């Protein structure tokens, strides 16, 4: 049976982290693995936290799917990332995602199947929660949490049920 994949690029984060201690542990593991000599900048700290939070939340969402075939798809090749190019991943960094995936694998929190090229196209790296991370997910069980509104979104306002006319305002 084929694996069910959830792309890391489509993960919507909750307003408050569901598992903040796990995110902090992963951030600390990333800092240890990267062997930082100097204190990281505030931007690096925020980016590392965002990527670790996204990875933990993505693994939790695939675990909630209740399918043993569910995997979190992570694109680790630099070709998929560019800060301004349309069609590329621009809200995440390949460097921080690669660092977080390496850390989560060293911690024994995820089964990682490396991405590869195939005749039908590129297959992303696939992650599945195991070990202590999976146990934490089982303890938390499935919980509903309000999600953050994306920064760039379309907001519908002025919806008139009688006339079915809608005014669309683009936020951003």
N, C-alpha and C. Protein backbone atom coordinates (compact mmCIF):
# COMPACT_ATOMS: atom_id res chain seq x y z
N UNK A 1 0.84 -1.18 0.00
CA UNK A 1 0.00 0.00 0.00
C UNK A 1 0.88 1.25 0.00
N UNK A 2 0.49 2.26 -0.73
CA UNK A 2 1.25 3.50 -0.81
C UNK A 2 1.15 4.29 0.49
N UNK A 3 2.16 5.12 0.71
CA UNK A 3 2.15 6.00 1.87
C UNK A 3 1.25 7.19 1.61
N UNK A 4 0.66 7.69 2.68
CA UNK A 4 -0.13 8.91 2.63
C UNK A 4 0.81 10.04 3.03
N UNK A 5 0.92 11.06 2.21
CA UNK A 5 1.87 12.12 2.50
C UNK A 5 1.23 13.46 2.79
N UNK A 6 1.74 14.13 3.81
CA UNK A 6 1.36 15.50 4.14
C UNK A 6 2.62 16.34 3.94
N UNK A 7 2.55 17.34 3.08
CA UNK A 7 3.71 18.18 2.80
C UNK A 7 3.95 19.16 3.94
N UNK A 8 5.20 19.31 4.33
CA UNK A 8 5.55 20.22 5.41
C UNK A 8 5.18 21.66 5.04
N UNK A 9 5.11 21.96 3.76
CA UNK A 9 4.76 23.32 3.32
C UNK A 9 3.29 23.65 3.57
N UNK A 10 2.46 22.66 3.79
CA UNK A 10 1.04 22.92 4.01
C UNK A 10 0.64 22.87 5.48
N UNK A 11 1.61 22.75 6.38
CA UNK A 11 1.32 22.68 7.81
C UNK A 11 0.90 24.07 8.30
N UNK A 12 -0.24 24.11 8.94
CA UNK A 12 -0.71 25.34 9.59
C UNK A 12 -0.44 25.19 11.08
N UNK A 13 0.26 26.12 11.65
CA UNK A 13 0.64 26.05 13.06
C UNK A 13 -0.50 26.51 13.95
N UNK A 14 -0.61 25.90 15.15
CA UNK A 14 -1.61 26.39 16.10
C UNK A 14 -1.17 27.73 16.68
N UNK A 15 -2.15 28.47 17.24
CA UNK A 15 -1.83 29.77 17.82
C UNK A 15 -0.84 29.64 18.96
N UNK A 16 -0.97 28.59 19.77
CA UNK A 16 -0.01 28.28 20.82
C UNK A 16 0.48 26.86 20.59
N UNK A 17 1.78 26.63 20.71
CA UNK A 17 2.29 25.27 20.48
C UNK A 17 1.61 24.25 21.39
N UNK A 18 1.19 23.15 20.82
CA UNK A 18 0.54 22.09 21.58
C UNK A 18 1.58 21.36 22.43
N UNK A 19 2.78 21.26 21.93
CA UNK A 19 3.85 20.52 22.61
C UNK A 19 5.10 21.39 22.74
N UNK A 20 5.04 22.46 23.52
CA UNK A 20 6.18 23.41 23.56
C UNK A 20 7.47 22.80 24.10
N UNK A 21 7.38 21.85 25.04
CA UNK A 21 8.60 21.25 25.58
C UNK A 21 9.32 20.41 24.52
N UNK A 22 8.55 19.75 23.66
CA UNK A 22 9.17 18.98 22.58
C UNK A 22 9.84 19.90 21.58
N UNK A 23 9.19 21.01 21.28
CA UNK A 23 9.78 21.98 20.34
C UNK A 23 11.09 22.51 20.92
N UNK A 24 11.09 22.85 22.20
CA UNK A 24 12.32 23.35 22.84
C UNK A 24 13.43 22.30 22.83
N UNK A 25 13.07 21.05 23.09
CA UNK A 25 14.08 19.98 23.05
C UNK A 25 14.68 19.84 21.65
N UNK A 26 13.84 19.96 20.64
CA UNK A 26 14.33 19.87 19.27
C UNK A 26 15.20 21.07 18.91
N UNK A 27 14.81 22.25 19.35
CA UNK A 27 15.62 23.45 19.11
C UNK A 27 17.00 23.28 19.76
N UNK A 28 17.02 22.80 20.99
CA UNK A 28 18.31 22.58 21.67
C UNK A 28 19.16 21.53 20.95
N UNK A 29 18.52 20.48 20.45
CA UNK A 29 19.25 19.46 19.69
C UNK A 29 19.82 20.05 18.41
N UNK A 30 19.07 20.92 17.76
CA UNK A 30 19.56 21.57 16.54
C UNK A 30 20.78 22.43 16.84
N UNK A 31 20.73 23.16 17.94
CA UNK A 31 21.87 24.00 18.31
C UNK A 31 23.09 23.15 18.63
N UNK A 32 22.89 22.02 19.26
CA UNK A 32 24.00 21.12 19.58
C UNK A 32 24.60 20.54 18.31
N UNK A 33 23.74 20.10 17.41
CA UNK A 33 24.22 19.50 16.15
C UNK A 33 24.96 20.51 15.29
N UNK A 34 24.47 21.75 15.26
CA UNK A 34 25.12 22.76 14.42
C UNK A 34 26.42 23.28 15.04
N UNK A 35 26.70 22.88 16.29
CA UNK A 35 27.94 23.25 16.98
C UNK A 35 28.23 24.75 16.89
N UNK A 36 27.27 25.53 17.35
CA UNK A 36 27.42 26.97 17.32
C UNK A 36 28.51 27.43 18.29
N UNK A 37 29.39 28.30 17.81
CA UNK A 37 30.45 28.83 18.66
C UNK A 37 30.03 30.16 19.28
N UNK A 38 29.23 30.91 18.55
CA UNK A 38 28.76 32.20 19.04
C UNK A 38 27.27 32.12 19.35
N UNK A 39 26.82 33.09 20.09
CA UNK A 39 25.39 33.16 20.40
C UNK A 39 24.64 33.48 19.10
N UNK A 40 23.57 32.70 18.80
CA UNK A 40 22.85 32.94 17.55
C UNK A 40 22.09 34.26 17.60
N UNK A 41 21.89 34.85 16.43
CA UNK A 41 21.12 36.10 16.35
C UNK A 41 19.66 35.83 16.67
N UNK A 42 18.92 36.88 16.96
CA UNK A 42 17.50 36.71 17.30
C UNK A 42 16.73 36.16 16.09
N UNK A 43 17.12 36.55 14.87
CA UNK A 43 16.47 36.00 13.67
C UNK A 43 16.73 34.51 13.53
N UNK A 44 17.95 34.07 13.83
CA UNK A 44 18.28 32.65 13.75
C UNK A 44 17.50 31.86 14.80
N UNK A 45 17.36 32.41 15.99
CA UNK A 45 16.61 31.75 17.06
C UNK A 45 15.15 31.60 16.65
N UNK A 46 14.56 32.67 16.11
CA UNK A 46 13.16 32.63 15.67
C UNK A 46 12.97 31.65 14.52
N UNK A 47 13.88 31.66 13.57
CA UNK A 47 13.78 30.75 12.43
C UNK A 47 13.90 29.30 12.86
N UNK A 48 14.87 29.03 13.72
CA UNK A 48 15.06 27.65 14.19
C UNK A 48 13.80 27.18 14.95
N UNK A 49 13.24 28.05 15.78
CA UNK A 49 12.03 27.70 16.53
C UNK A 49 10.87 27.43 15.57
N UNK A 50 10.68 28.29 14.57
CA UNK A 50 9.60 28.12 13.59
C UNK A 50 9.72 26.77 12.87
N UNK A 51 10.91 26.43 12.44
CA UNK A 51 11.11 25.19 11.69
C UNK A 51 10.92 23.96 12.58
N UNK A 52 11.40 24.03 13.81
CA UNK A 52 11.21 22.91 14.74
C UNK A 52 9.73 22.76 15.10
N UNK A 53 9.06 23.88 15.33
CA UNK A 53 7.62 23.85 15.63
C UNK A 53 6.84 23.27 14.45
N UNK A 54 7.18 23.68 13.25
CA UNK A 54 6.52 23.18 12.05
C UNK A 54 6.72 21.68 11.89
N UNK A 55 7.94 21.21 12.14
CA UNK A 55 8.24 19.79 12.00
C UNK A 55 7.49 18.96 13.05
N UNK A 56 7.49 19.39 14.30
CA UNK A 56 6.77 18.67 15.36
C UNK A 56 5.27 18.67 15.07
N UNK A 57 4.74 19.81 14.68
CA UNK A 57 3.30 19.90 14.37
C UNK A 57 2.95 19.03 13.17
N UNK A 58 3.80 19.00 12.16
CA UNK A 58 3.55 18.16 10.99
C UNK A 58 3.55 16.68 11.34
N UNK A 59 4.50 16.28 12.17
CA UNK A 59 4.54 14.88 12.61
C UNK A 59 3.31 14.55 13.46
N UNK A 60 2.88 15.50 14.28
CA UNK A 60 1.68 15.28 15.10
C UNK A 60 0.44 15.14 14.20
N UNK A 61 0.33 16.00 13.19
CA UNK A 61 -0.82 15.93 12.28
C UNK A 61 -0.84 14.63 11.50
N UNK A 62 0.32 14.13 11.09
CA UNK A 62 0.33 12.84 10.38
C UNK A 62 0.03 11.70 11.35
N UNK A 63 0.46 11.82 12.62
CA UNK A 63 0.12 10.81 13.62
C UNK A 63 -1.39 10.80 13.86
N UNK A 64 -2.02 11.96 13.90
CA UNK A 64 -3.47 12.06 14.12
C UNK A 64 -4.26 11.41 13.00
N UNK A 65 -3.66 11.25 11.86
CA UNK A 65 -4.32 10.62 10.71
C UNK A 65 -4.66 9.16 11.00
N UNK A 66 -4.00 8.56 11.98
CA UNK A 66 -4.26 7.19 12.43
C UNK A 66 -3.97 6.13 11.36
N UNK A 67 -3.18 6.46 10.39
CA UNK A 67 -2.79 5.48 9.38
C UNK A 67 -1.32 5.14 9.58
N UNK A 68 -0.99 3.87 9.61
CA UNK A 68 0.43 3.51 9.73
C UNK A 68 1.25 3.93 8.51
N UNK A 69 0.57 4.28 7.43
CA UNK A 69 1.25 4.69 6.19
C UNK A 69 1.40 6.20 6.06
N UNK A 70 0.93 6.96 7.04
CA UNK A 70 1.01 8.43 6.95
C UNK A 70 2.44 8.89 7.18
N UNK A 71 2.90 9.78 6.33
CA UNK A 71 4.26 10.32 6.41
C UNK A 71 4.21 11.84 6.20
N UNK A 72 5.19 12.51 6.82
CA UNK A 72 5.37 13.93 6.60
C UNK A 72 6.43 14.09 5.51
N UNK A 73 6.06 14.74 4.42
CA UNK A 73 6.98 14.95 3.30
C UNK A 73 7.74 16.26 3.49
N UNK A 74 9.06 16.17 3.46
CA UNK A 74 9.92 17.34 3.63
C UNK A 74 10.85 17.42 2.43
N UNK A 75 10.88 18.57 1.80
CA UNK A 75 11.74 18.79 0.64
C UNK A 75 13.07 19.35 1.14
N UNK A 76 14.14 18.60 0.99
CA UNK A 76 15.44 19.01 1.53
C UNK A 76 16.42 19.50 0.48
N UNK A 77 16.07 19.43 -0.77
CA UNK A 77 16.96 19.91 -1.83
C UNK A 77 16.83 21.43 -1.97
N UNK A 78 17.94 22.13 -2.09
CA UNK A 78 17.89 23.59 -2.23
C UNK A 78 17.10 24.07 -3.45
N UNK A 79 16.92 23.22 -4.45
CA UNK A 79 16.21 23.63 -5.67
C UNK A 79 14.75 24.02 -5.40
N UNK A 80 14.19 23.58 -4.28
CA UNK A 80 12.79 23.87 -3.97
C UNK A 80 12.60 25.19 -3.23
N UNK A 81 13.69 25.84 -2.84
CA UNK A 81 13.61 27.02 -1.98
C UNK A 81 14.14 28.27 -2.68
N UNK A 82 13.42 29.36 -2.49
CA UNK A 82 13.87 30.67 -2.94
C UNK A 82 13.00 31.71 -2.26
N UNK A 83 13.60 32.75 -1.76
CA UNK A 83 12.84 33.72 -0.97
C UNK A 83 11.86 34.56 -1.78
N UNK A 84 12.10 34.72 -3.08
CA UNK A 84 11.22 35.58 -3.87
C UNK A 84 10.65 34.93 -5.13
N UNK A 85 11.18 33.82 -5.54
CA UNK A 85 10.76 33.20 -6.80
C UNK A 85 9.40 32.51 -6.66
N UNK A 86 8.48 32.84 -7.54
CA UNK A 86 7.14 32.26 -7.52
C UNK A 86 7.21 30.75 -7.77
N UNK A 87 6.44 30.00 -7.03
CA UNK A 87 6.41 28.56 -7.20
C UNK A 87 7.41 27.81 -6.34
N UNK A 88 8.27 28.53 -5.64
CA UNK A 88 9.25 27.92 -4.75
C UNK A 88 8.80 28.12 -3.30
N UNK A 89 9.35 27.34 -2.41
CA UNK A 89 9.04 27.46 -0.99
C UNK A 89 9.76 28.70 -0.47
N UNK A 90 9.00 29.69 0.02
CA UNK A 90 9.65 30.92 0.44
C UNK A 90 9.37 31.27 1.90
N UNK A 91 8.55 30.49 2.60
CA UNK A 91 8.28 30.79 4.01
C UNK A 91 9.10 29.90 4.96
N UNK A 92 9.84 28.97 4.40
CA UNK A 92 10.71 28.10 5.19
C UNK A 92 12.10 28.11 4.57
N UNK A 93 13.08 27.68 5.36
CA UNK A 93 14.46 27.65 4.89
C UNK A 93 14.95 26.21 4.79
N UNK A 94 15.58 25.88 3.69
CA UNK A 94 16.12 24.54 3.49
C UNK A 94 17.15 24.23 4.56
N UNK A 95 17.95 25.20 4.93
CA UNK A 95 19.01 24.99 5.93
C UNK A 95 18.42 24.57 7.28
N UNK A 96 17.44 25.32 7.78
CA UNK A 96 16.86 25.02 9.09
C UNK A 96 16.02 23.74 9.08
N UNK A 97 15.35 23.46 7.97
CA UNK A 97 14.60 22.21 7.88
C UNK A 97 15.55 21.01 7.87
N UNK A 98 16.61 21.11 7.12
CA UNK A 98 17.60 20.02 7.08
C UNK A 98 18.20 19.80 8.46
N UNK A 99 18.51 20.88 9.14
CA UNK A 99 19.07 20.79 10.49
C UNK A 99 18.07 20.13 11.45
N UNK A 100 16.79 20.50 11.37
CA UNK A 100 15.76 19.94 12.25
C UNK A 100 15.52 18.46 11.95
N UNK A 101 15.53 18.08 10.68
CA UNK A 101 15.33 16.68 10.31
C UNK A 101 16.51 15.84 10.82
N UNK A 102 17.72 16.34 10.69
CA UNK A 102 18.89 15.63 11.20
C UNK A 102 18.81 15.47 12.71
N UNK A 103 18.41 16.53 13.41
CA UNK A 103 18.31 16.48 14.87
C UNK A 103 17.23 15.50 15.31
N UNK A 104 16.09 15.53 14.66
CA UNK A 104 14.98 14.65 15.06
C UNK A 104 15.33 13.18 14.79
N UNK A 105 16.13 12.95 13.77
CA UNK A 105 16.57 11.58 13.48
C UNK A 105 17.59 11.12 14.53
N UNK A 106 18.53 12.00 14.92
CA UNK A 106 19.51 11.64 15.95
C UNK A 106 18.86 11.40 17.31
N UNK A 107 17.75 12.08 17.56
CA UNK A 107 17.05 11.92 18.84
C UNK A 107 16.22 10.64 18.87
N UNK A 108 16.06 9.99 17.72
CA UNK A 108 15.26 8.77 17.66
C UNK A 108 13.78 9.05 17.71
N UNK A 109 13.39 10.23 17.27
CA UNK A 109 11.97 10.64 17.31
C UNK A 109 11.26 10.34 16.00
N UNK A 110 11.99 10.06 14.94
CA UNK A 110 11.33 9.85 13.64
C UNK A 110 12.10 8.84 12.81
N UNK A 111 11.33 8.08 12.08
CA UNK A 111 11.87 7.20 11.06
C UNK A 111 11.97 8.06 9.81
N UNK A 112 13.17 8.18 9.26
CA UNK A 112 13.40 9.07 8.13
C UNK A 112 13.78 8.25 6.90
N UNK A 113 13.01 8.42 5.84
CA UNK A 113 13.33 7.79 4.56
C UNK A 113 13.82 8.91 3.64
N UNK A 114 15.08 8.84 3.26
CA UNK A 114 15.69 9.90 2.47
C UNK A 114 14.99 10.06 1.12
N UNK A 115 14.86 11.30 0.68
CA UNK A 115 14.28 11.59 -0.62
C UNK A 115 15.18 11.09 -1.73
N UNK A 116 14.59 10.93 -2.90
CA UNK A 116 15.36 10.42 -4.04
C UNK A 116 14.70 10.84 -5.35
N UNK A 117 15.46 10.67 -6.40
CA UNK A 117 14.91 10.92 -7.74
C UNK A 117 14.39 9.61 -8.30
N UNK A 118 13.29 9.69 -8.99
CA UNK A 118 12.76 8.51 -9.66
C UNK A 118 12.34 8.90 -11.07
N UNK A 119 11.96 7.92 -11.86
CA UNK A 119 11.54 8.20 -13.24
C UNK A 119 10.29 9.06 -13.28
N UNK A 120 9.43 8.92 -12.27
CA UNK A 120 8.18 9.68 -12.25
C UNK A 120 8.33 11.05 -11.60
N UNK A 121 9.50 11.37 -11.07
CA UNK A 121 9.74 12.67 -10.44
C UNK A 121 10.50 12.51 -9.14
N UNK A 122 10.71 13.63 -8.46
CA UNK A 122 11.44 13.60 -7.20
C UNK A 122 10.52 13.20 -6.06
N UNK A 123 11.03 12.34 -5.19
CA UNK A 123 10.28 11.90 -4.02
C UNK A 123 10.90 12.59 -2.81
N UNK A 124 10.10 13.33 -2.02
CA UNK A 124 10.67 14.06 -0.88
C UNK A 124 11.07 13.12 0.26
N UNK A 125 11.87 13.63 1.17
CA UNK A 125 12.21 12.90 2.38
C UNK A 125 10.93 12.70 3.18
N UNK A 126 10.75 11.49 3.72
CA UNK A 126 9.51 11.16 4.44
C UNK A 126 9.83 10.84 5.89
N UNK A 127 9.04 11.42 6.80
CA UNK A 127 9.23 11.22 8.23
C UNK A 127 7.98 10.62 8.85
N UNK A 128 8.21 9.79 9.86
CA UNK A 128 7.13 9.15 10.61
C UNK A 128 7.55 9.11 12.08
N UNK A 129 6.70 9.61 12.97
CA UNK A 129 7.03 9.67 14.40
C UNK A 129 7.18 8.27 14.99
N UNK A 130 8.25 8.10 15.78
CA UNK A 130 8.49 6.83 16.47
C UNK A 130 9.02 7.14 17.88
N UNK A 131 9.20 6.13 18.67
CA UNK A 131 9.87 6.25 19.97
C UNK A 131 9.18 7.19 20.93
N UNK A 132 10.00 7.99 21.62
CA UNK A 132 9.48 8.90 22.65
C UNK A 132 8.52 9.94 22.08
N UNK A 133 8.76 10.38 20.84
CA UNK A 133 7.86 11.36 20.24
C UNK A 133 6.47 10.76 20.04
N UNK A 134 6.42 9.55 19.55
CA UNK A 134 5.13 8.89 19.35
C UNK A 134 4.43 8.66 20.69
N UNK A 135 5.18 8.33 21.74
CA UNK A 135 4.60 8.16 23.07
C UNK A 135 3.99 9.47 23.58
N UNK A 136 4.68 10.57 23.34
CA UNK A 136 4.15 11.89 23.73
C UNK A 136 2.85 12.19 22.98
N UNK A 137 2.82 11.88 21.70
CA UNK A 137 1.59 12.08 20.92
C UNK A 137 0.46 11.24 21.48
N UNK A 138 0.75 10.01 21.89
CA UNK A 138 -0.28 9.14 22.46
C UNK A 138 -0.79 9.69 23.78
N UNK A 139 0.10 10.26 24.59
CA UNK A 139 -0.32 10.87 25.86
C UNK A 139 -1.22 12.08 25.63
N UNK A 140 -0.86 12.90 24.66
CA UNK A 140 -1.65 14.09 24.34
C UNK A 140 -2.96 13.70 23.68
N UNK A 141 -2.92 12.62 22.92
CA UNK A 141 -4.06 12.15 22.14
C UNK A 141 -4.40 13.18 21.07
N UNK A 142 -5.60 13.13 20.55
CA UNK A 142 -5.99 14.09 19.52
C UNK A 142 -6.70 15.27 20.17
N UNK A 143 -6.20 16.46 19.88
CA UNK A 143 -6.77 17.68 20.45
C UNK A 143 -7.01 18.69 19.34
N UNK A 144 -8.10 19.39 19.49
CA UNK A 144 -8.39 20.48 18.58
C UNK A 144 -7.70 21.72 19.10
N UNK A 145 -7.03 22.45 18.23
CA UNK A 145 -6.40 23.71 18.62
C UNK A 145 -6.68 24.74 17.54
N UNK A 146 -6.95 25.98 17.94
CA UNK A 146 -7.15 27.02 16.92
C UNK A 146 -5.84 27.28 16.18
N UNK A 147 -5.94 27.41 14.87
CA UNK A 147 -4.76 27.62 14.03
C UNK A 147 -4.52 29.10 13.81
N UNK A 148 -3.26 29.44 13.54
CA UNK A 148 -2.92 30.82 13.20
C UNK A 148 -3.43 31.13 11.80
N UNK A 149 -3.86 32.36 11.62
CA UNK A 149 -4.28 32.81 10.30
C UNK A 149 -3.02 33.10 9.50
N UNK A 150 -2.94 32.60 8.26
CA UNK A 150 -1.76 32.88 7.45
C UNK A 150 -1.56 34.38 7.26
N UNK A 151 -0.30 34.79 7.13
CA UNK A 151 -0.01 36.22 6.97
C UNK A 151 -0.56 36.77 5.67
N UNK A 152 -0.42 36.02 4.58
CA UNK A 152 -0.94 36.45 3.29
C UNK A 152 -2.18 35.62 3.00
N UNK A 153 -3.33 36.25 3.09
CA UNK A 153 -4.56 35.50 2.89
C UNK A 153 -5.63 36.39 2.27
N UNK A 154 -6.70 35.77 1.85
CA UNK A 154 -7.84 36.48 1.33
C UNK A 154 -8.89 36.48 2.44
N UNK A 155 -9.37 37.67 2.80
CA UNK A 155 -10.37 37.80 3.84
C UNK A 155 -11.68 38.20 3.18
N UNK A 156 -12.73 37.43 3.44
CA UNK A 156 -14.04 37.75 2.89
C UNK A 156 -14.78 38.64 3.87
N UNK A 157 -15.25 39.78 3.39
CA UNK A 157 -15.99 40.70 4.24
C UNK A 157 -17.22 41.19 3.51
N UNK A 158 -18.19 41.59 4.24
CA UNK A 158 -19.38 42.16 3.64
C UNK A 158 -20.23 41.13 2.92
N UNK A 159 -20.22 39.90 3.39
CA UNK A 159 -21.01 38.85 2.76
C UNK A 159 -22.48 39.09 3.05
N UNK A 160 -23.28 39.18 2.02
CA UNK A 160 -24.72 39.41 2.14
C UNK A 160 -25.43 38.12 1.75
N UNK A 161 -26.02 37.43 2.73
CA UNK A 161 -26.67 36.16 2.48
C UNK A 161 -27.83 36.28 1.50
N UNK A 162 -28.52 37.43 1.53
CA UNK A 162 -29.69 37.61 0.68
C UNK A 162 -29.31 37.74 -0.79
N UNK A 163 -28.28 38.51 -1.08
CA UNK A 163 -27.93 38.74 -2.49
C UNK A 163 -26.80 37.86 -2.95
N UNK A 164 -26.16 37.14 -2.04
CA UNK A 164 -25.02 36.28 -2.36
C UNK A 164 -23.86 37.05 -3.00
N UNK A 165 -23.76 38.34 -2.68
CA UNK A 165 -22.65 39.15 -3.16
C UNK A 165 -21.60 39.21 -2.06
N UNK A 166 -20.36 39.16 -2.44
CA UNK A 166 -19.28 39.18 -1.48
C UNK A 166 -18.25 40.21 -1.91
N UNK A 167 -17.78 40.98 -0.95
CA UNK A 167 -16.69 41.90 -1.19
C UNK A 167 -15.43 41.20 -0.76
N UNK A 168 -14.43 41.18 -1.60
CA UNK A 168 -13.18 40.49 -1.28
C UNK A 168 -12.11 41.54 -1.03
N UNK A 169 -11.48 41.41 0.12
CA UNK A 169 -10.38 42.27 0.49
C UNK A 169 -9.14 41.42 0.65
N UNK A 170 -8.05 41.80 0.01
CA UNK A 170 -6.81 41.04 0.13
C UNK A 170 -6.00 41.65 1.27
N UNK A 171 -5.67 40.81 2.26
CA UNK A 171 -4.85 41.26 3.38
C UNK A 171 -3.39 41.02 3.04
N UNK A 172 -2.53 41.84 3.53
CA UNK A 172 -1.11 41.57 3.29
C UNK A 172 -0.25 42.73 3.40
